[in-house]
Amino acid sequence: LYAFGFEIVSQPRSLPAHAVFLRLEKTIPGFGKVQRE
């Protein structure tokens, strides 16, 4: 909900770094397994 712009009471938590890199591998052209590693 926070990511969509809604106000929330609790502290929002982002993804762990390794999950960020996994998502980049699926979404960013040229960012593959070697770059993720």
ModelCIF file with pLDDT and N, C-alpha, C, O atoms, coordinates in Angstrom:
data_MODEL
#
_entry.id   MODEL 
#
_entity.id                         1 
_entity.type                       polymer 
_entity.pdbx_number_of_molecules   1 
#
_entity_poly.entity_id                      1 
_entity_poly.type                           'polypeptide(L)' 
_entity_poly.nstd_linkage                   no 
_entity_poly.nstd_monomer                   no 
_entity_poly.pdbx_seq_one_letter_code       LYAFGFEIVSQPRSLPAHAVFLRLEKTIPGFGKVQRE 
_entity_poly.pdbx_seq_one_letter_code_can   LYAFGFEIVSQPRSLPAHAVFLRLEKTIPGFGKVQRE 
_entity_poly.pdbx_strand_id                 A 
#
loop_
_entity_poly_seq.entity_id 
_entity_poly_seq.num 
_entity_poly_seq.mon_id 
_entity_poly_seq.hetero 
1 1  LEU n 
1 2  TYR n 
1 3  ALA n 
1 4  PHE n 
1 5  GLY n 
1 6  PHE n 
1 7  GLU n 
1 8  ILE n 
1 9  VAL n 
1 10 SER n 
1 11 GLN n 
1 12 PRO n 
1 13 ARG n 
1 14 SER n 
1 15 LEU n 
1 16 PRO n 
1 17 ALA n 
1 18 HIS n 
1 19 ALA n 
1 20 VAL n 
1 21 PHE n 
1 22 LEU n 
1 23 ARG n 
1 24 LEU n 
1 25 GLU n 
1 26 LYS n 
1 27 THR n 
1 28 ILE n 
1 29 PRO n 
1 30 GLY n 
1 31 PHE n 
1 32 GLY n 
1 33 LYS n 
1 34 VAL n 
1 35 GLN n 
1 36 ARG n 
1 37 GLU n 
#
_struct_asym.id          A 
_struct_asym.entity_id   1 
#
loop_
_ma_qa_metric.id 
_ma_qa_metric.mode 
_ma_qa_metric.name 
_ma_qa_metric.software_group_id 
_ma_qa_metric.type 
1 global pLDDT . pLDDT 
2 local  pLDDT . pLDDT 
#
_ma_qa_metric_global.metric_id      1 
_ma_qa_metric_global.metric_value   87.81 
_ma_qa_metric_global.model_id       1 
_ma_qa_metric_global.ordinal_id     1 
#
loop_
_ma_qa_metric_local.label_asym_id 
_ma_qa_metric_local.label_comp_id 
_ma_qa_metric_local.label_seq_id 
_ma_qa_metric_local.metric_id 
_ma_qa_metric_local.metric_value 
_ma_qa_metric_local.model_id 
_ma_qa_metric_local.ordinal_id 
A LEU 1  2 79.00 1 1  
A TYR 2  2 77.00 1 2  
A ALA 3  2 78.00 1 3  
A PHE 4  2 81.00 1 4  
A GLY 5  2 79.00 1 5  
A PHE 6  2 80.00 1 6  
A GLU 7  2 83.00 1 7  
A ILE 8  2 79.00 1 8  
A VAL 9  2 76.00 1 9  
A SER 10 2 79.00 1 10 
A GLN 11 2 82.00 1 11 
A PRO 12 2 84.00 1 12 
A ARG 13 2 83.00 1 13 
A SER 14 2 83.00 1 14 
A LEU 15 2 87.00 1 15 
A PRO 16 2 91.00 1 16 
A ALA 17 2 93.00 1 17 
A HIS 18 2 93.00 1 18 
A ALA 19 2 94.00 1 19 
A VAL 20 2 95.00 1 20 
A PHE 21 2 96.00 1 21 
A LEU 22 2 94.00 1 22 
A ARG 23 2 94.00 1 23 
A LEU 24 2 96.00 1 24 
A GLU 25 2 93.00 1 25 
A LYS 26 2 92.00 1 26 
A THR 27 2 93.00 1 27 
A ILE 28 2 93.00 1 28 
A PRO 29 2 90.00 1 29 
A GLY 30 2 91.00 1 30 
A PHE 31 2 93.00 1 31 
A GLY 32 2 90.00 1 32 
A LYS 33 2 89.00 1 33 
A VAL 34 2 89.00 1 34 
A GLN 35 2 93.00 1 35 
A ARG 36 2 94.00 1 36 
A GLU 37 2 93.00 1 37 
#
loop_
_atom_site.group_PDB 
_atom_site.id 
_atom_site.type_symbol 
_atom_site.label_atom_id 
_atom_site.label_alt_id 
_atom_site.label_comp_id 
_atom_site.label_asym_id 
_atom_site.label_entity_id 
_atom_site.label_seq_id 
_atom_site.pdbx_PDB_ins_code 
_atom_site.Cartn_x 
_atom_site.Cartn_y 
_atom_site.Cartn_z 
_atom_site.occupancy 
_atom_site.B_iso_or_equiv 
_atom_site.pdbx_formal_charge 
_atom_site.auth_seq_id 
_atom_site.auth_comp_id 
_atom_site.auth_asym_id 
_atom_site.auth_atom_id 
_atom_site.pdbx_PDB_model_num 
ATOM 1   N N  . LEU A 1 1  ? 0.834  -1.202  0.000   1.00 79.00 ? 1  LEU A N  1 
ATOM 2   C CA . LEU A 1 1  ? 0.000  0.000   0.000   1.00 79.00 ? 1  LEU A CA 1 
ATOM 3   C C  . LEU A 1 1  ? 0.871  1.256   0.000   1.00 79.00 ? 1  LEU A C  1 
ATOM 4   O O  . LEU A 1 1  ? 0.573  2.224   -0.700  1.00 79.00 ? 1  LEU A O  1 
ATOM 5   N N  . TYR A 1 2  ? 1.944  1.235   0.785   1.00 77.00 ? 2  TYR A N  1 
ATOM 6   C CA . TYR A 1 2  ? 2.869  2.373   0.824   1.00 77.00 ? 2  TYR A CA 1 
ATOM 7   C C  . TYR A 1 2  ? 3.463  2.624   -0.552  1.00 77.00 ? 2  TYR A C  1 
ATOM 8   O O  . TYR A 1 2  ? 3.596  3.773   -0.974  1.00 77.00 ? 2  TYR A O  1 
ATOM 9   N N  . ALA A 1 3  ? 3.824  1.544   -1.261  1.00 78.00 ? 3  ALA A N  1 
ATOM 10  C CA . ALA A 1 3  ? 4.421  1.680   -2.594  1.00 78.00 ? 3  ALA A CA 1 
ATOM 11  C C  . ALA A 1 3  ? 3.439  2.299   -3.585  1.00 78.00 ? 3  ALA A C  1 
ATOM 12  O O  . ALA A 1 3  ? 3.855  2.917   -4.565  1.00 78.00 ? 3  ALA A O  1 
ATOM 13  N N  . PHE A 1 4  ? 2.142  2.139   -3.336  1.00 81.00 ? 4  PHE A N  1 
ATOM 14  C CA . PHE A 1 4  ? 1.121  2.727   -4.210  1.00 81.00 ? 4  PHE A CA 1 
ATOM 15  C C  . PHE A 1 4  ? 0.706  4.127   -3.747  1.00 81.00 ? 4  PHE A C  1 
ATOM 16  O O  . PHE A 1 4  ? -0.196 4.729   -4.329  1.00 81.00 ? 4  PHE A O  1 
ATOM 17  N N  . GLY A 1 5  ? 1.359  4.645   -2.703  1.00 79.00 ? 5  GLY A N  1 
ATOM 18  C CA . GLY A 1 5  ? 1.110  6.021   -2.299  1.00 79.00 ? 5  GLY A CA 1 
ATOM 19  C C  . GLY A 1 5  ? 0.183  6.195   -1.121  1.00 79.00 ? 5  GLY A C  1 
ATOM 20  O O  . GLY A 1 5  ? -0.130 7.327   -0.751  1.00 79.00 ? 5  GLY A O  1 
ATOM 21  N N  . PHE A 1 6  ? -0.273 5.093   -0.511  1.00 80.00 ? 6  PHE A N  1 
ATOM 22  C CA . PHE A 1 6  ? -1.150 5.202   0.649   1.00 80.00 ? 6  PHE A CA 1 
ATOM 23  C C  . PHE A 1 6  ? -0.328 5.445   1.910   1.00 80.00 ? 6  PHE A C  1 
ATOM 24  O O  . PHE A 1 6  ? 0.798  4.962   2.030   1.00 80.00 ? 6  PHE A O  1 
ATOM 25  N N  . GLU A 1 7  ? -0.898 6.197   2.848   1.00 83.00 ? 7  GLU A N  1 
ATOM 26  C CA . GLU A 1 7  ? -0.235 6.422   4.130   1.00 83.00 ? 7  GLU A CA 1 
ATOM 27  C C  . GLU A 1 7  ? -0.466 5.218   5.026   1.00 83.00 ? 7  GLU A C  1 
ATOM 28  O O  . GLU A 1 7  ? -1.579 4.701   5.118   1.00 83.00 ? 7  GLU A O  1 
ATOM 29  N N  . ILE A 1 8  ? 0.593  4.780   5.681   1.00 79.00 ? 8  ILE A N  1 
ATOM 30  C CA . ILE A 1 8  ? 0.469  3.649   6.604   1.00 79.00 ? 8  ILE A CA 1 
ATOM 31  C C  . ILE A 1 8  ? 1.083  4.046   7.933   1.00 79.00 ? 8  ILE A C  1 
ATOM 32  O O  . ILE A 1 8  ? 1.922  4.944   7.997   1.00 79.00 ? 8  ILE A O  1 
ATOM 33  N N  . VAL A 1 9  ? 0.661  3.374   8.990   1.00 76.00 ? 9  VAL A N  1 
ATOM 34  C CA . VAL A 1 9  ? 1.129  3.699   10.332  1.00 76.00 ? 9  VAL A CA 1 
ATOM 35  C C  . VAL A 1 9  ? 2.507  3.105   10.591  1.00 76.00 ? 9  VAL A C  1 
ATOM 36  O O  . VAL A 1 9  ? 3.373  3.755   11.177  1.00 76.00 ? 9  VAL A O  1 
ATOM 37  N N  . SER A 1 10 ? 2.702  1.876   10.155  1.00 79.00 ? 10 SER A N  1 
ATOM 38  C CA . SER A 1 10 ? 3.955  1.176   10.435  1.00 79.00 ? 10 SER A CA 1 
ATOM 39  C C  . SER A 1 10 ? 5.071  1.629   9.486   1.00 79.00 ? 10 SER A C  1 
ATOM 40  O O  . SER A 1 10 ? 4.819  2.276   8.469   1.00 79.00 ? 10 SER A O  1 
ATOM 41  N N  . GLN A 1 11 ? 6.285  1.279   9.838   1.00 82.00 ? 11 GLN A N  1 
ATOM 42  C CA . GLN A 1 11 ? 7.443  1.586   8.999   1.00 82.00 ? 11 GLN A CA 1 
ATOM 43  C C  . GLN A 1 11 ? 7.458  0.649   7.795   1.00 82.00 ? 11 GLN A C  1 
ATOM 44  O O  . GLN A 1 11 ? 7.482  -0.568  7.978   1.00 82.00 ? 11 GLN A O  1 
ATOM 45  N N  . PRO A 1 12 ? 7.446  1.171   6.578   1.00 84.00 ? 12 PRO A N  1 
ATOM 46  C CA . PRO A 1 12 ? 7.450  0.293   5.406   1.00 84.00 ? 12 PRO A CA 1 
ATOM 47  C C  . PRO A 1 12 ? 8.787  -0.441  5.269   1.00 84.00 ? 12 PRO A C  1 
ATOM 48  O O  . PRO A 1 12 ? 9.849  0.106   5.566   1.00 84.00 ? 12 PRO A O  1 
ATOM 49  N N  . ARG A 1 13 ? 8.708  -1.676  4.818   1.00 83.00 ? 13 ARG A N  1 
ATOM 50  C CA . ARG A 1 13 ? 9.909  -2.485  4.643   1.00 83.00 ? 13 ARG A CA 1 
ATOM 51  C C  . ARG A 1 13 ? 10.118 -2.770  3.158   1.00 83.00 ? 13 ARG A C  1 
ATOM 52  O O  . ARG A 1 13 ? 9.192  -3.152  2.442   1.00 83.00 ? 13 ARG A O  1 
ATOM 53  N N  . SER A 1 14 ? 11.343 -2.578  2.723   1.00 83.00 ? 14 SER A N  1 
ATOM 54  C CA . SER A 1 14 ? 11.680 -2.861  1.332   1.00 83.00 ? 14 SER A CA 1 
ATOM 55  C C  . SER A 1 14 ? 12.218 -4.281  1.197   1.00 83.00 ? 14 SER A C  1 
ATOM 56  O O  . SER A 1 14 ? 12.466 -4.964  2.191   1.00 83.00 ? 14 SER A O  1 
ATOM 57  N N  . LEU A 1 15 ? 12.392 -4.712  -0.048  1.00 87.00 ? 15 LEU A N  1 
ATOM 58  C CA . LEU A 1 15 ? 12.928 -6.036  -0.323  1.00 87.00 ? 15 LEU A CA 1 
ATOM 59  C C  . LEU A 1 15 ? 14.363 -6.171  0.184   1.00 87.00 ? 15 LEU A C  1 
ATOM 60  O O  . LEU A 1 15 ? 15.091 -5.179  0.217   1.00 87.00 ? 15 LEU A O  1 
ATOM 61  N N  . PRO A 1 16 ? 14.784 -7.368  0.576   1.00 91.00 ? 16 PRO A N  1 
ATOM 62  C CA . PRO A 1 16 ? 16.204 -7.594  0.814   1.00 91.00 ? 16 PRO A CA 1 
ATOM 63  C C  . PRO A 1 16 ? 16.987 -7.389  -0.481  1.00 91.00 ? 16 PRO A C  1 
ATOM 64  O O  . PRO A 1 16 ? 16.434 -7.522  -1.572  1.00 91.00 ? 16 PRO A O  1 
ATOM 65  N N  . ALA A 1 17 ? 18.255 -7.070  -0.359  1.00 93.00 ? 17 ALA A N  1 
ATOM 66  C CA . ALA A 1 17 ? 19.056 -6.734  -1.536  1.00 93.00 ? 17 ALA A CA 1 
ATOM 67  C C  . ALA A 1 17 ? 19.084 -7.862  -2.562  1.00 93.00 ? 17 ALA A C  1 
ATOM 68  O O  . ALA A 1 17 ? 18.988 -7.610  -3.763  1.00 93.00 ? 17 ALA A O  1 
ATOM 69  N N  . HIS A 1 18 ? 19.216 -9.116  -2.093  1.00 93.00 ? 18 HIS A N  1 
ATOM 70  C CA . HIS A 1 18 ? 19.321 -10.219 -3.057  1.00 93.00 ? 18 HIS A CA 1 
ATOM 71  C C  . HIS A 1 18 ? 18.052 -10.350 -3.889  1.00 93.00 ? 18 HIS A C  1 
ATOM 72  O O  . HIS A 1 18 ? 18.110 -10.755 -5.050  1.00 93.00 ? 18 HIS A O  1 
ATOM 73  N N  . ALA A 1 19 ? 16.893 -10.006 -3.299  1.00 94.00 ? 19 ALA A N  1 
ATOM 74  C CA . ALA A 1 19 ? 15.640 -10.053 -4.043  1.00 94.00 ? 19 ALA A CA 1 
ATOM 75  C C  . ALA A 1 19 ? 15.565 -8.914  -5.051  1.00 94.00 ? 19 ALA A C  1 
ATOM 76  O O  . ALA A 1 19 ? 14.990 -9.071  -6.128  1.00 94.00 ? 19 ALA A O  1 
ATOM 77  N N  . VAL A 1 20 ? 16.145 -7.767  -4.705  1.00 95.00 ? 20 VAL A N  1 
ATOM 78  C CA . VAL A 1 20 ? 16.221 -6.642  -5.647  1.00 95.00 ? 20 VAL A CA 1 
ATOM 79  C C  . VAL A 1 20 ? 16.978 -7.070  -6.894  1.00 95.00 ? 20 VAL A C  1 
ATOM 80  O O  . VAL A 1 20 ? 16.542 -6.805  -8.014  1.00 95.00 ? 20 VAL A O  1 
ATOM 81  N N  . PHE A 1 21 ? 18.113 -7.733  -6.699  1.00 96.00 ? 21 PHE A N  1 
ATOM 82  C CA . PHE A 1 21 ? 18.940 -8.136  -7.835  1.00 96.00 ? 21 PHE A CA 1 
ATOM 83  C C  . PHE A 1 21 ? 18.240 -9.199  -8.677  1.00 96.00 ? 21 PHE A C  1 
ATOM 84  O O  . PHE A 1 21 ? 18.376 -9.216  -9.901  1.00 96.00 ? 21 PHE A O  1 
ATOM 85  N N  . LEU A 1 22 ? 17.502 -10.071 -8.029  1.00 94.00 ? 22 LEU A N  1 
ATOM 86  C CA . LEU A 1 22 ? 16.743 -11.087 -8.775  1.00 94.00 ? 22 LEU A CA 1 
ATOM 87  C C  . LEU A 1 22 ? 15.689 -10.436 -9.663  1.00 94.00 ? 22 LEU A C  1 
ATOM 88  O O  . LEU A 1 22 ? 15.485 -10.858 -10.801 1.00 94.00 ? 22 LEU A O  1 
ATOM 89  N N  . ARG A 1 23 ? 15.020 -9.407  -9.143  1.00 94.00 ? 23 ARG A N  1 
ATOM 90  C CA . ARG A 1 23 ? 13.994 -8.724  -9.941  1.00 94.00 ? 23 ARG A CA 1 
ATOM 91  C C  . ARG A 1 23 ? 14.621 -7.920  -11.080 1.00 94.00 ? 23 ARG A C  1 
ATOM 92  O O  . ARG A 1 23 ? 14.042 -7.810  -12.161 1.00 94.00 ? 23 ARG A O  1 
ATOM 93  N N  . LEU A 1 24 ? 15.795 -7.364  -10.836 1.00 96.00 ? 24 LEU A N  1 
ATOM 94  C CA . LEU A 1 24 ? 16.479 -6.639  -11.905 1.00 96.00 ? 24 LEU A CA 1 
ATOM 95  C C  . LEU A 1 24 ? 16.849 -7.583  -13.044 1.00 96.00 ? 24 LEU A C  1 
ATOM 96  O O  . LEU A 1 24 ? 16.802 -7.202  -14.213 1.00 96.00 ? 24 LEU A O  1 
ATOM 97  N N  . GLU A 1 25 ? 17.217 -8.816  -12.697 1.00 93.00 ? 25 GLU A N  1 
ATOM 98  C CA . GLU A 1 25 ? 17.565 -9.798  -13.722 1.00 93.00 ? 25 GLU A CA 1 
ATOM 99  C C  . GLU A 1 25 ? 16.374 -10.079 -14.646 1.00 93.00 ? 25 GLU A C  1 
ATOM 100 O O  . GLU A 1 25 ? 16.550 -10.424 -15.815 1.00 93.00 ? 25 GLU A O  1 
ATOM 101 N N  . LYS A 1 26 ? 15.187 -9.930  -14.116 1.00 92.00 ? 26 LYS A N  1 
ATOM 102 C CA . LYS A 1 26 ? 13.982 -10.202 -14.904 1.00 92.00 ? 26 LYS A CA 1 
ATOM 103 C C  . LYS A 1 26 ? 13.442 -8.974  -15.619 1.00 92.00 ? 26 LYS A C  1 
ATOM 104 O O  . LYS A 1 26 ? 12.553 -9.090  -16.462 1.00 92.00 ? 26 LYS A O  1 
ATOM 105 N N  . THR A 1 27 ? 13.969 -7.796  -15.292 1.00 93.00 ? 27 THR A N  1 
ATOM 106 C CA . THR A 1 27 ? 13.343 -6.570  -15.809 1.00 93.00 ? 27 THR A CA 1 
ATOM 107 C C  . THR A 1 27 ? 14.277 -5.626  -16.564 1.00 93.00 ? 27 THR A C  1 
ATOM 108 O O  . THR A 1 27 ? 13.807 -4.823  -17.369 1.00 93.00 ? 27 THR A O  1 
ATOM 109 N N  . ILE A 1 28 ? 15.582 -5.702  -16.326 1.00 93.00 ? 28 ILE A N  1 
ATOM 110 C CA . ILE A 1 28 ? 16.523 -4.750  -16.924 1.00 93.00 ? 28 ILE A CA 1 
ATOM 111 C C  . ILE A 1 28 ? 17.274 -5.423  -18.073 1.00 93.00 ? 28 ILE A C  1 
ATOM 112 O O  . ILE A 1 28 ? 17.940 -6.434  -17.848 1.00 93.00 ? 28 ILE A O  1 
ATOM 113 N N  . PRO A 1 29 ? 17.190 -4.903  -19.279 1.00 90.00 ? 29 PRO A N  1 
ATOM 114 C CA . PRO A 1 29 ? 17.917 -5.490  -20.418 1.00 90.00 ? 29 PRO A CA 1 
ATOM 115 C C  . PRO A 1 29 ? 19.431 -5.511  -20.166 1.00 90.00 ? 29 PRO A C  1 
ATOM 116 O O  . PRO A 1 29 ? 20.017 -4.516  -19.740 1.00 90.00 ? 29 PRO A O  1 
ATOM 117 N N  . GLY A 1 30 ? 20.046 -6.663  -20.437 1.00 91.00 ? 30 GLY A N  1 
ATOM 118 C CA . GLY A 1 30 ? 21.484 -6.793  -20.265 1.00 91.00 ? 30 GLY A CA 1 
ATOM 119 C C  . GLY A 1 30 ? 21.919 -7.201  -18.871 1.00 91.00 ? 30 GLY A C  1 
ATOM 120 O O  . GLY A 1 30 ? 23.069 -7.592  -18.667 1.00 91.00 ? 30 GLY A O  1 
ATOM 121 N N  . PHE A 1 31 ? 21.007 -7.112  -17.907 1.00 93.00 ? 31 PHE A N  1 
ATOM 122 C CA . PHE A 1 31 ? 21.317 -7.482  -16.526 1.00 93.00 ? 31 PHE A CA 1 
ATOM 123 C C  . PHE A 1 31 ? 20.980 -8.956  -16.358 1.00 93.00 ? 31 PHE A C  1 
ATOM 124 O O  . PHE A 1 31 ? 19.821 -9.322  -16.163 1.00 93.00 ? 31 PHE A O  1 
ATOM 125 N N  . GLY A 1 32 ? 22.009 -9.801  -16.435 1.00 90.00 ? 32 GLY A N  1 
ATOM 126 C CA . GLY A 1 32 ? 21.791 -11.244 -16.384 1.00 90.00 ? 32 GLY A CA 1 
ATOM 127 C C  . GLY A 1 32 ? 22.373 -11.887 -15.142 1.00 90.00 ? 32 GLY A C  1 
ATOM 128 O O  . GLY A 1 32 ? 22.606 -11.228 -14.128 1.00 90.00 ? 32 GLY A O  1 
ATOM 129 N N  . LYS A 1 33 ? 22.601 -13.173 -15.238 1.00 89.00 ? 33 LYS A N  1 
ATOM 130 C CA . LYS A 1 33 ? 23.084 -13.957 -14.096 1.00 89.00 ? 33 LYS A CA 1 
ATOM 131 C C  . LYS A 1 33 ? 24.462 -13.466 -13.628 1.00 89.00 ? 33 LYS A C  1 
ATOM 132 O O  . LYS A 1 33 ? 24.702 -13.344 -12.426 1.00 89.00 ? 33 LYS A O  1 
ATOM 133 N N  . VAL A 1 34 ? 25.361 -13.186 -14.571 1.00 89.00 ? 34 VAL A N  1 
ATOM 134 C CA . VAL A 1 34 ? 26.708 -12.747 -14.206 1.00 89.00 ? 34 VAL A CA 1 
ATOM 135 C C  . VAL A 1 34 ? 26.659 -11.427 -13.440 1.00 89.00 ? 34 VAL A C  1 
ATOM 136 O O  . VAL A 1 34 ? 27.361 -11.249 -12.444 1.00 89.00 ? 34 VAL A O  1 
ATOM 137 N N  . GLN A 1 35 ? 25.821 -10.503 -13.917 1.00 93.00 ? 35 GLN A N  1 
ATOM 138 C CA . GLN A 1 35 ? 25.706 -9.195  -13.255 1.00 93.00 ? 35 GLN A CA 1 
ATOM 139 C C  . GLN A 1 35 ? 25.072 -9.356  -11.869 1.00 93.00 ? 35 GLN A C  1 
ATOM 140 O O  . GLN A 1 35 ? 25.492 -8.722  -10.901 1.00 93.00 ? 35 GLN A O  1 
ATOM 141 N N  . ARG A 1 36 ? 24.051 -10.219 -11.798 1.00 94.00 ? 36 ARG A N  1 
ATOM 142 C CA . ARG A 1 36 ? 23.397 -10.433 -10.502 1.00 94.00 ? 36 ARG A CA 1 
ATOM 143 C C  . ARG A 1 36 ? 24.369 -11.040 -9.491  1.00 94.00 ? 36 ARG A C  1 
ATOM 144 O O  . ARG A 1 36 ? 24.370 -10.658 -8.321  1.00 94.00 ? 36 ARG A O  1 
ATOM 145 N N  . GLU A 1 37 ? 25.187 -11.976 -9.939  1.00 93.00 ? 37 GLU A N  1 
ATOM 146 C CA . GLU A 1 37 ? 26.126 -12.624 -9.023  1.00 93.00 ? 37 GLU A CA 1 
ATOM 147 C C  . GLU A 1 37 ? 27.159 -11.637 -8.485  1.00 93.00 ? 37 GLU A C  1 
ATOM 148 O O  . GLU A 1 37 ? 28.026 -12.017 -7.699  1.00 93.00 ? 37 GLU A O  1 
#
